[in-house]
């Protein structure tokens, strides 16, 4: 995995975020436009810069979403007796 930017850097280029997340630069800009990453155009001409804290928050959100999806899949596979605590368990782990 590529090195993380120094902790004193508040904003980084989309190319750096793309490398960190293993995405295309256009996908990173799309995440900013969708509001999933915080960023702004700075300078003249305007160039996108993304807040490093928002990248960490985005990764935390992705991990939480994956955790919830795993729980959802697990609950869909469970039987009612397993969920309510009565009856035999179909698949004992």
Protein backbone atom coordinates (compact mmCIF):
# COMPACT_ATOMS: atom_id res chain seq x y z
CA UNK A 1 0.00 0.00 0.00
CA UNK A 2 1.33 3.48 -0.81
CA UNK A 3 2.63 5.66 1.96
CA UNK A 4 0.14 7.93 3.69
CA UNK A 5 0.71 11.68 3.45
CA UNK A 6 2.42 13.34 6.42
CA UNK A 7 -0.01 14.06 9.26
CA UNK A 8 0.50 17.83 9.01
CA UNK A 9 -0.88 17.88 5.44
CA UNK A 10 -4.55 18.86 5.50
CA UNK A 11 -5.38 18.67 1.80
CA UNK A 12 -4.02 16.42 -0.90
CA UNK A 13 -4.40 16.03 -4.64
CA UNK A 14 -6.98 13.66 -6.13
CA UNK A 15 -4.16 11.61 -7.64
CA UNK A 16 -2.78 10.91 -4.15
CA UNK A 17 -6.24 9.90 -2.90
CA UNK A 18 -6.72 7.73 -5.97
CA UNK A 19 -3.44 5.96 -5.25
CA UNK A 20 -4.35 5.46 -1.58
CA UNK A 21 -7.81 4.07 -2.40
CA UNK A 22 -6.72 2.27 -5.57
CA UNK A 23 -9.29 4.18 -7.63
CA UNK A 24 -9.24 6.27 -10.77
CA UNK A 25 -8.78 10.04 -10.32
CA UNK A 26 -12.17 10.62 -11.97
CA UNK A 27 -13.78 8.35 -9.37
CA UNK A 28 -12.19 10.40 -6.57
CA UNK A 29 -13.56 13.64 -8.04
CA UNK A 30 -16.97 11.95 -8.38
CA UNK A 31 -16.82 11.06 -4.66
CA UNK A 32 -16.18 14.74 -3.89
CA UNK A 33 -19.05 15.85 -6.11
CA UNK A 34 -21.33 13.26 -4.44
CA UNK A 35 -20.35 14.63 -1.03
CA UNK A 36 -18.71 11.41 0.14
CA UNK A 37 -15.31 13.14 0.34
CA UNK A 38 -14.75 16.77 1.35
CA UNK A 39 -12.77 18.77 -1.14
CA UNK A 40 -12.54 22.09 -2.94
CA UNK A 41 -11.01 23.67 -5.96
CA UNK A 42 -8.15 25.92 -4.90
CA UNK A 43 -5.83 28.23 -6.76
CA UNK A 44 -6.01 29.66 -10.24
CA UNK A 45 -6.72 27.71 -12.31
CA UNK A 46 -8.77 25.76 -9.79
CA UNK A 47 -7.36 22.35 -8.88
CA UNK A 48 -9.14 19.84 -6.69
CA UNK A 49 -7.77 19.21 -3.22
CA UNK A 50 -9.29 16.71 -0.79
CA UNK A 51 -9.20 16.90 3.00
CA UNK A 52 -7.15 14.03 4.42
CA UNK A 53 -9.57 13.66 7.35
CA UNK A 54 -12.44 13.03 4.93
CA UNK A 55 -10.49 10.17 3.33
CA UNK A 56 -10.15 8.50 6.73
CA UNK A 57 -13.86 9.07 7.41
CA UNK A 58 -14.72 7.62 4.00
CA UNK A 59 -12.72 4.49 4.77
CA UNK A 60 -14.41 4.20 8.18
CA UNK A 61 -17.81 4.55 6.47
CA UNK A 62 -16.90 1.85 3.96
CA UNK A 63 -15.82 -0.52 6.73
CA UNK A 64 -19.06 0.12 8.64
CA UNK A 65 -21.13 -0.47 5.51
CA UNK A 66 -19.31 -3.75 4.88
CA UNK A 67 -19.91 -4.80 8.50
CA UNK A 68 -23.63 -4.04 8.24
CA UNK A 69 -23.94 -5.89 4.94
CA UNK A 70 -22.26 -8.94 6.48
CA UNK A 71 -24.71 -8.83 9.39
CA UNK A 72 -27.62 -8.47 6.96
CA UNK A 73 -26.47 -11.49 4.94
CA UNK A 74 -25.99 -13.47 8.15
CA UNK A 75 -29.48 -12.57 9.38
CA UNK A 76 -31.03 -13.58 6.06
CA UNK A 77 -29.39 -17.00 6.33
CA UNK A 78 -30.54 -17.59 9.93
CA UNK A 79 -33.69 -19.53 10.74
CA UNK A 80 -36.46 -18.06 12.91
CA UNK A 81 -35.70 -20.38 15.83
CA UNK A 82 -32.10 -19.17 15.73
CA UNK A 83 -33.20 -15.55 15.75
CA UNK A 84 -35.76 -15.94 18.52
CA UNK A 85 -33.81 -18.40 20.63
CA UNK A 86 -36.19 -21.38 20.43
CA UNK A 87 -36.01 -24.66 18.66
CA UNK A 88 -33.08 -26.46 17.10
CA UNK A 89 -30.27 -24.55 15.47
CA UNK A 90 -29.81 -25.43 11.80
CA UNK A 91 -26.13 -24.65 11.52
CA UNK A 92 -24.23 -24.62 14.76
CA UNK A 93 -20.97 -22.72 14.42
